């Protein structure tokens, strides 16, 4: 279990009161972890009087042992039946996570007597964007483990080894040094490096090929996400030129990351560099994303993003060029936004 600052619940309560709601229901797994520090499957229900964690009998004892200060409620029925048991007489207006409730669940809840459902979008995700010192420390350690994995990968590259074999080696390495992989590692050779999120196959490594590795560790609930491109032997000069383009574009973009700058500006900068070099059609994804409890979380680097960098955000900057049938190159670094600029996690 990961310790959770009480300020998180307090801020949600303040938001709930400001919006004139009587309670707030949190159902998304990562958001429940953020508020409780535990991966126990359950529903957080914040009311004016108490904080409830609603769980099935499978997690009841674990919840009572681990989560002191929470009112643990055991259920065996559907969501509307649970609410009738816990929510009754505690208010009328109940906020819920609009992006994490199925149509069927919403229909059933809508029939709950004396309850008005109010959609709340991104409330917890907004809090999660700003990491505290403890979160930053966990992410720093997670990133260190990921960096060391690249050294291990490089030592295992040899002619005839398969993408799957290297991917399995990565998984073993990360499990030995952290809580495991933040996501299934991407290991691609040769022409298959043109697949941005390709899955490792039995493809064997040959001399003079491009190798793309995207990996991340998870530590105490927090993720890292890094990508490196290796040259196994001598590769055509074009790939060296593309790698120089990618690293320079990434460096310039990172230099601009500072409080007050929009995420869309960074995305536009990267696209402009790719366009000038003639590779805009080969840049197939956004230029970066936030990272924390999830590998991909707000803020996102889109041309229409309204997010602005703030101190405490952690983002991944990942320009890439992908040429179908030939190969691809991507480099990804993680960056912490500081008071006056940023710091690259090493």
Protein backbone atom coordinates (compact mmCIF):
# COMPACT_ATOMS: atom_id res chain seq x y z
CA UNK A 1 0.00 0.00 0.00
CA UNK A 2 1.19 3.52 -0.87
CA UNK A 3 0.70 6.34 1.71
CA UNK A 4 -1.78 8.97 0.50
CA UNK A 5 -1.76 12.64 1.58
CA UNK A 6 -5.07 13.73 3.11
CA UNK A 7 -4.95 16.84 0.90
CA UNK A 8 -6.19 14.80 -2.07
CA UNK A 9 -9.50 14.00 -0.39
CA UNK A 10 -9.74 17.54 0.97
CA UNK A 11 -9.37 19.08 -2.48
CA UNK A 12 -12.04 16.79 -3.89
CA UNK A 13 -14.38 17.70 -1.05
CA UNK A 14 -13.78 21.40 -1.72
CA UNK A 15 -14.55 20.88 -5.40
CA UNK A 16 -17.68 18.91 -4.52
CA UNK A 17 -18.92 21.66 -2.21
CA UNK A 18 -18.10 24.36 -4.76
CA UNK A 19 -20.24 22.54 -7.34
CA UNK A 20 -23.02 22.20 -4.75
CA UNK A 21 -22.99 18.39 -4.75
CA UNK A 22 -23.86 16.23 -1.77
CA UNK A 23 -21.43 13.47 -2.65
CA UNK A 24 -18.98 12.13 -5.21
CA UNK A 25 -18.58 8.57 -6.52
CA UNK A 26 -15.20 7.47 -7.93
CA UNK A 27 -15.14 4.21 -9.88
CA UNK A 28 -12.08 4.40 -12.18
CA UNK A 29 -9.38 2.00 -10.91
CA UNK A 30 -6.39 4.39 -11.15
CA UNK A 31 -8.34 7.18 -9.48
CA UNK A 32 -9.35 4.86 -6.63
CA UNK A 33 -5.66 4.01 -6.16
CA UNK A 34 -4.76 7.72 -6.16
CA UNK A 35 -7.22 8.38 -3.33
CA UNK A 36 -6.65 5.23 -1.25
CA UNK A 37 -3.07 4.14 -2.04
CA UNK A 38 -4.35 0.62 -2.65
CA UNK A 39 -5.11 -1.42 -5.79
CA UNK A 40 -8.04 -3.07 -4.03
CA UNK A 41 -10.97 -3.11 -6.44
CA UNK A 42 -13.70 -0.91 -5.11
CA UNK A 43 -15.72 2.28 -5.33
CA UNK A 44 -14.88 5.43 -3.41
CA UNK A 45 -17.90 7.35 -2.18
CA UNK A 46 -17.25 10.72 -0.56
CA UNK A 47 -20.15 12.19 1.41
CA UNK A 48 -20.37 15.18 3.70
CA UNK A 49 -20.00 12.98 6.78
CA UNK A 50 -17.80 10.02 5.80
CA UNK A 51 -15.44 8.51 3.24
CA UNK A 52 -16.64 5.10 2.08
CA UNK A 53 -14.84 2.36 0.20
CA UNK A 54 -17.32 -0.11 -1.25
CA UNK A 55 -15.82 -3.54 -2.00
CA UNK A 56 -16.90 -7.10 -2.67
CA UNK A 57 -16.39 -9.80 -0.04
CA UNK A 58 -13.21 -10.85 -1.90
CA UNK A 59 -11.45 -7.66 -0.75
CA UNK A 60 -13.27 -6.92 2.52
CA UNK A 61 -10.67 -8.17 4.99
CA UNK A 62 -7.76 -6.71 3.02
CA UNK A 63 -9.50 -3.32 2.88
CA UNK A 64 -10.19 -3.27 6.61
CA UNK A 65 -6.57 -4.16 7.40
CA UNK A 66 -4.91 -1.79 4.93
CA UNK A 67 -7.22 1.21 4.81
CA UNK A 68 -7.60 2.67 8.26
CA UNK A 69 -9.84 5.71 8.35
CA UNK A 70 -12.11 4.48 5.57
CA UNK A 71 -15.61 3.16 6.20
CA UNK A 72 -15.47 -0.19 4.38
CA UNK A 73 -18.81 -1.38 3.03
CA UNK A 74 -19.16 -4.91 1.67
CA UNK A 75 -21.57 -5.48 -1.20
CA UNK A 76 -22.77 -8.43 -3.20
CA UNK A 77 -25.16 -6.73 -5.57
CA UNK A 78 -25.29 -4.25 -8.45
CA UNK A 79 -24.26 -0.62 -8.26
CA UNK A 80 -27.76 0.77 -7.76
CA UNK A 81 -28.40 -1.68 -4.91
CA UNK A 82 -25.13 -0.65 -3.29
CA UNK A 83 -26.08 3.01 -3.44
CA UNK A 84 -29.46 2.36 -1.88
CA UNK A 85 -27.60 0.86 1.06
CA UNK A 86 -24.92 3.53 1.49
CA UNK A 87 -26.20 6.72 -0.11
CA UNK A 88 -29.71 6.69 1.35
CA UNK A 89 -30.53 9.87 3.32
CA UNK A 90 -27.06 11.37 2.69
CA UNK A 91 -28.14 13.83 0.02
CA UNK A 92 -29.63 14.17 -3.41
CA UNK A 93 -27.00 15.39 -5.89
CA UNK A 94 -24.38 12.72 -6.51
CA UNK A 95 -21.40 13.36 -8.78
CA UNK A 96 -20.03 10.48 -10.83
CA UNK A 97 -17.15 9.91 -13.26
CA UNK A 98 -18.85 10.39 -16.59
CA UNK A 99 -16.11 8.64 -18.58
CA UNK A 100 -16.16 5.50 -16.45
CA UNK A 101 -19.78 4.50 -16.12
CA UNK A 102 -21.45 2.21 -18.63
CA UNK A 103 -24.78 3.07 -20.23
CA UNK A 104 -26.42 0.19 -18.37
CA UNK A 105 -25.00 1.31 -15.01
CA UNK A 106 -26.15 4.87 -15.64
CA UNK A 107 -29.65 3.67 -16.51
CA UNK A 108 -29.86 1.63 -13.32
CA UNK A 109 -28.51 4.44 -11.15
CA UNK A 110 -30.88 6.94 -12.72
CA UNK A 111 -33.72 4.92 -11.27
CA UNK A 112 -32.39 5.31 -7.71
CA UNK A 113 -35.02 7.15 -5.70
CA UNK A 114 -34.23 10.70 -4.58
CA UNK A 115 -30.86 10.74 -6.37
CA UNK A 116 -29.84 13.19 -9.10
CA UNK A 117 -26.74 12.06 -11.00
CA UNK A 118 -24.33 14.84 -11.97
CA UNK A 119 -21.53 14.02 -14.46
CA UNK A 120 -18.05 15.09 -13.29
CA UNK A 121 -15.35 14.97 -15.94
CA UNK A 122 -11.65 14.76 -15.10
CA UNK A 123 -11.81 15.90 -11.49
CA UNK A 124 -9.33 13.36 -10.14
CA UNK A 125 -7.26 13.40 -13.32
CA UNK A 126 -6.80 17.14 -12.85
CA UNK A 127 -5.34 16.53 -9.40
CA UNK A 128 -3.17 13.68 -10.67
CA UNK A 129 -1.42 15.93 -13.20
CA UNK A 130 0.52 17.67 -10.39
CA UNK A 131 2.87 15.29 -8.59
CA UNK A 132 3.98 15.85 -5.00
CA UNK A 133 7.52 15.17 -3.76
CA UNK A 134 6.76 11.57 -2.83
CA UNK A 135 5.31 10.86 -6.27
CA UNK A 136 8.28 12.49 -7.99
CA UNK A 137 10.67 10.38 -5.91
CA UNK A 138 8.91 7.17 -6.96
CA UNK A 139 8.97 8.23 -10.60
CA UNK A 140 12.66 9.09 -10.38
CA UNK A 141 13.42 5.59 -9.08
CA UNK A 142 11.17 4.01 -11.71
CA UNK A 143 13.02 5.94 -14.42
CA UNK A 144 16.42 4.86 -13.09
CA UNK A 145 15.35 1.24 -13.37
CA UNK A 146 14.16 1.81 -16.95
CA UNK A 147 17.44 3.47 -17.93
CA UNK A 148 19.43 0.56 -16.56
CA UNK A 149 17.26 -1.82 -18.61
CA UNK A 150 18.57 -0.26 -21.83
CA UNK A 151 22.14 -1.12 -20.85
CA UNK A 152 20.99 -4.69 -20.25
CA UNK A 153 19.18 -4.82 -23.61
CA UNK A 154 22.25 -3.57 -25.47
CA UNK A 155 24.35 -6.33 -23.89
CA UNK A 156 21.86 -8.96 -25.13
CA UNK A 157 21.70 -7.84 -28.77
CA UNK A 158 23.33 -10.40 -31.03
CA UNK A 159 22.68 -11.77 -34.48
CA UNK A 160 19.87 -14.31 -34.51
CA UNK A 161 18.15 -13.23 -31.27
CA UNK A 162 14.41 -12.63 -31.67
CA UNK A 163 12.31 -9.59 -30.75
CA UNK A 164 10.30 -11.82 -28.40
CA UNK A 165 13.42 -13.07 -26.64
CA UNK A 166 14.67 -9.54 -25.95
CA UNK A 167 11.19 -8.52 -24.82
CA UNK A 168 11.13 -11.44 -22.38
CA UNK A 169 14.58 -10.45 -21.10
CA UNK A 170 13.31 -6.90 -20.52
CA UNK A 171 10.34 -8.22 -18.56
CA UNK A 172 12.56 -10.37 -16.34
CA UNK A 173 15.01 -7.50 -15.75
CA UNK A 174 12.27 -5.06 -14.72
CA UNK A 175 10.45 -7.56 -12.48
CA UNK A 176 13.69 -8.20 -10.59
CA UNK A 177 14.23 -4.47 -9.89
CA UNK A 178 10.73 -3.01 -9.62
CA UNK A 179 7.10 -4.07 -9.37
CA UNK A 180 7.25 -5.09 -13.01
CA UNK A 181 6.68 -3.65 -16.45
CA UNK A 182 4.59 -0.50 -16.75
CA UNK A 183 3.38 -1.88 -20.10
CA UNK A 184 4.34 -4.73 -22.46
CA UNK A 185 7.75 -3.72 -23.80
CA UNK A 186 8.08 -2.91 -27.48
CA UNK A 187 11.13 -4.48 -29.14
CA UNK A 188 11.37 -4.23 -32.94
CA UNK A 189 14.08 -4.95 -35.51
CA UNK A 190 14.78 -3.71 -39.03
CA UNK A 191 11.79 -2.81 -41.19
CA UNK A 192 9.42 -3.61 -38.30
CA UNK A 193 10.62 -0.50 -36.44
CA UNK A 194 8.18 1.42 -38.66
CA UNK A 195 5.35 0.08 -36.46
CA UNK A 196 4.99 2.75 -33.72
CA UNK A 197 3.41 0.28 -31.27
CA UNK A 198 4.37 -3.00 -32.90
CA UNK A 199 4.27 -6.21 -30.89
CA UNK A 200 7.45 -8.29 -30.56
CA UNK A 201 7.59 -11.25 -32.93
CA UNK A 202 9.89 -14.14 -33.80
CA UNK A 203 11.73 -11.81 -36.20
CA UNK A 204 15.49 -12.42 -35.82
CA UNK A 205 18.08 -9.65 -35.58
CA UNK A 206 20.55 -9.26 -38.43
CA UNK A 207 23.73 -7.24 -38.66
CA UNK A 208 23.44 -3.59 -39.73
CA UNK A 209 19.84 -3.06 -38.61
CA UNK A 210 17.88 -0.51 -36.62
CA UNK A 211 16.58 -1.67 -33.21
CA UNK A 212 13.76 0.19 -31.42
CA UNK A 213 13.05 -0.48 -27.74
CA UNK A 214 10.22 1.17 -25.77
CA UNK A 215 10.01 0.12 -22.12
CA UNK A 216 9.00 1.26 -18.66
CA UNK A 217 9.08 0.11 -15.04
CA UNK A 218 6.36 0.39 -12.41
CA UNK A 219 7.32 1.18 -8.83
CA UNK A 220 4.88 1.71 -5.95
CA UNK A 221 2.15 2.44 -8.46
CA UNK A 222 4.08 4.91 -10.64
CA UNK A 223 5.30 4.38 -14.19
CA UNK A 224 8.25 5.27 -16.36
CA UNK A 225 8.20 5.28 -20.17
CA UNK A 226 11.36 5.62 -22.27
CA UNK A 227 12.29 4.80 -25.86
CA UNK A 228 15.72 4.36 -27.42
CA UNK A 229 16.86 3.49 -30.91
CA UNK A 230 20.01 1.39 -31.35
CA UNK A 231 22.08 0.72 -34.45
CA UNK A 232 23.24 -2.90 -34.53
CA UNK A 233 26.29 -2.55 -36.74
CA UNK A 234 26.53 -0.09 -39.63
CA UNK A 235 23.25 1.29 -40.97
CA UNK A 236 22.58 3.50 -44.02
CA UNK A 237 23.53 7.15 -43.43
CA UNK A 238 19.87 8.13 -43.74
CA UNK A 239 19.10 6.61 -40.36
CA UNK A 240 21.87 8.58 -38.68
CA UNK A 241 20.44 11.77 -40.20
CA UNK A 242 16.94 10.92 -38.98
CA UNK A 243 18.23 10.13 -35.50
CA UNK A 244 20.01 13.52 -35.43
CA UNK A 245 16.76 15.20 -36.51
CA UNK A 246 14.79 13.41 -33.78
CA UNK A 247 17.25 14.16 -30.97
CA UNK A 248 17.64 17.82 -31.95
CA UNK A 249 13.87 18.31 -32.21
CA UNK A 250 13.43 16.64 -28.83
CA UNK A 251 16.14 18.78 -27.21
CA UNK A 252 14.63 22.03 -28.52
CA UNK A 253 11.15 20.99 -27.43
CA UNK A 254 12.33 20.11 -23.93
CA UNK A 255 14.06 23.49 -23.62
CA UNK A 256 10.66 25.15 -24.12
CA UNK A 257 8.88 23.17 -21.41
CA UNK A 258 8.32 25.60 -18.56
CA UNK A 259 5.34 26.75 -16.45
CA UNK A 260 2.84 28.74 -18.50
CA UNK A 261 3.72 27.23 -21.88
CA UNK A 262 0.95 25.27 -23.60
CA UNK A 263 1.32 21.60 -24.48
CA UNK A 264 0.05 22.41 -27.97
CA UNK A 265 3.08 24.65 -28.54
CA UNK A 266 5.46 21.73 -27.95
CA UNK A 267 3.47 19.53 -30.32
CA UNK A 268 3.55 22.28 -32.97
CA UNK A 269 7.31 22.76 -32.53
CA UNK A 270 7.99 19.09 -33.13
CA UNK A 271 5.72 19.00 -36.18
CA UNK A 272 7.37 22.09 -37.64
CA UNK A 273 10.80 20.45 -37.37
CA UNK A 274 9.50 17.30 -39.04
CA UNK A 275 7.81 19.31 -41.78
CA UNK A 276 10.98 21.28 -42.59
CA UNK A 277 12.91 18.02 -42.88
CA UNK A 278 10.25 16.52 -45.16
CA UNK A 279 9.02 13.96 -42.65
CA UNK A 280 5.71 15.38 -41.43
CA UNK A 281 3.75 12.50 -43.01
CA UNK A 282 6.05 10.06 -41.20
CA UNK A 283 5.37 11.58 -37.74
CA UNK A 284 2.36 9.45 -36.86
CA UNK A 285 1.49 10.41 -33.28
CA UNK A 286 1.38 13.31 -30.84
CA UNK A 287 4.66 14.63 -29.54
CA UNK A 288 4.20 13.58 -25.95
CA UNK A 289 1.97 12.89 -22.98
CA UNK A 290 1.71 13.05 -19.24
CA UNK A 291 2.75 10.06 -17.15
CA UNK A 292 2.25 8.93 -13.57
CA UNK A 293 -0.06 6.24 -12.26
CA UNK A 294 -0.87 5.52 -15.91
CA UNK A 295 1.64 5.39 -18.73
CA UNK A 296 -0.50 7.76 -20.78
CA UNK A 297 -2.42 10.36 -18.80
CA UNK A 298 -3.10 14.09 -18.90
CA UNK A 299 -1.67 16.42 -20.05
CA UNK A 300 -1.53 15.38 -23.71
CA UNK A 301 0.45 17.09 -26.47
CA UNK A 302 -2.15 17.76 -29.16
CA UNK A 303 -2.51 20.70 -31.52
CA UNK A 304 -5.86 21.49 -29.86
CA UNK A 305 -4.75 20.78 -26.27
CA UNK A 306 -5.79 23.36 -23.69
CA UNK A 307 -3.35 22.07 -21.08
CA UNK A 308 -0.69 24.45 -19.77
CA UNK A 309 2.51 23.24 -18.11
CA UNK A 310 2.54 23.62 -14.34
CA UNK A 311 5.17 22.90 -11.72
CA UNK A 312 5.03 19.24 -10.68
CA UNK A 313 3.83 17.83 -13.99
CA UNK A 314 5.76 14.89 -15.44
CA UNK A 315 5.63 14.42 -19.20
CA UNK A 316 7.22 12.19 -21.84
CA UNK A 317 8.50 13.82 -25.04
CA UNK A 318 8.65 11.31 -27.90
CA UNK A 319 9.20 12.48 -31.49
CA UNK A 320 9.40 9.72 -34.08
CA UNK A 321 9.74 9.09 -37.81
CA UNK A 322 8.30 5.92 -39.40
CA UNK A 323 8.91 4.87 -43.00
CA UNK A 324 6.69 1.94 -44.06
CA UNK A 325 8.66 -1.06 -45.27
CA UNK A 326 11.97 0.52 -44.25
CA UNK A 327 12.00 1.22 -40.53
CA UNK A 328 11.55 3.92 -37.93
CA UNK A 329 13.24 5.86 -35.16
CA UNK A 330 11.82 7.19 -31.91
CA UNK A 331 13.46 8.72 -28.85
CA UNK A 332 11.55 9.31 -25.63
CA UNK A 333 12.58 11.14 -22.46
CA UNK A 334 10.71 11.97 -19.27
CA UNK A 335 10.68 15.55 -18.01
CA UNK A 336 9.59 17.12 -14.70
CA UNK A 337 8.26 20.68 -14.89
CA UNK A 338 9.98 22.78 -12.23
CA UNK A 339 9.33 26.30 -10.91
CA UNK A 340 11.49 27.99 -13.54
CA UNK A 341 11.93 25.34 -16.20
CA UNK A 342 12.30 21.58 -16.21
CA UNK A 343 14.48 18.65 -15.28
CA UNK A 344 15.03 15.54 -17.40
CA UNK A 345 14.69 12.34 -15.38
CA UNK A 346 17.83 10.22 -15.77
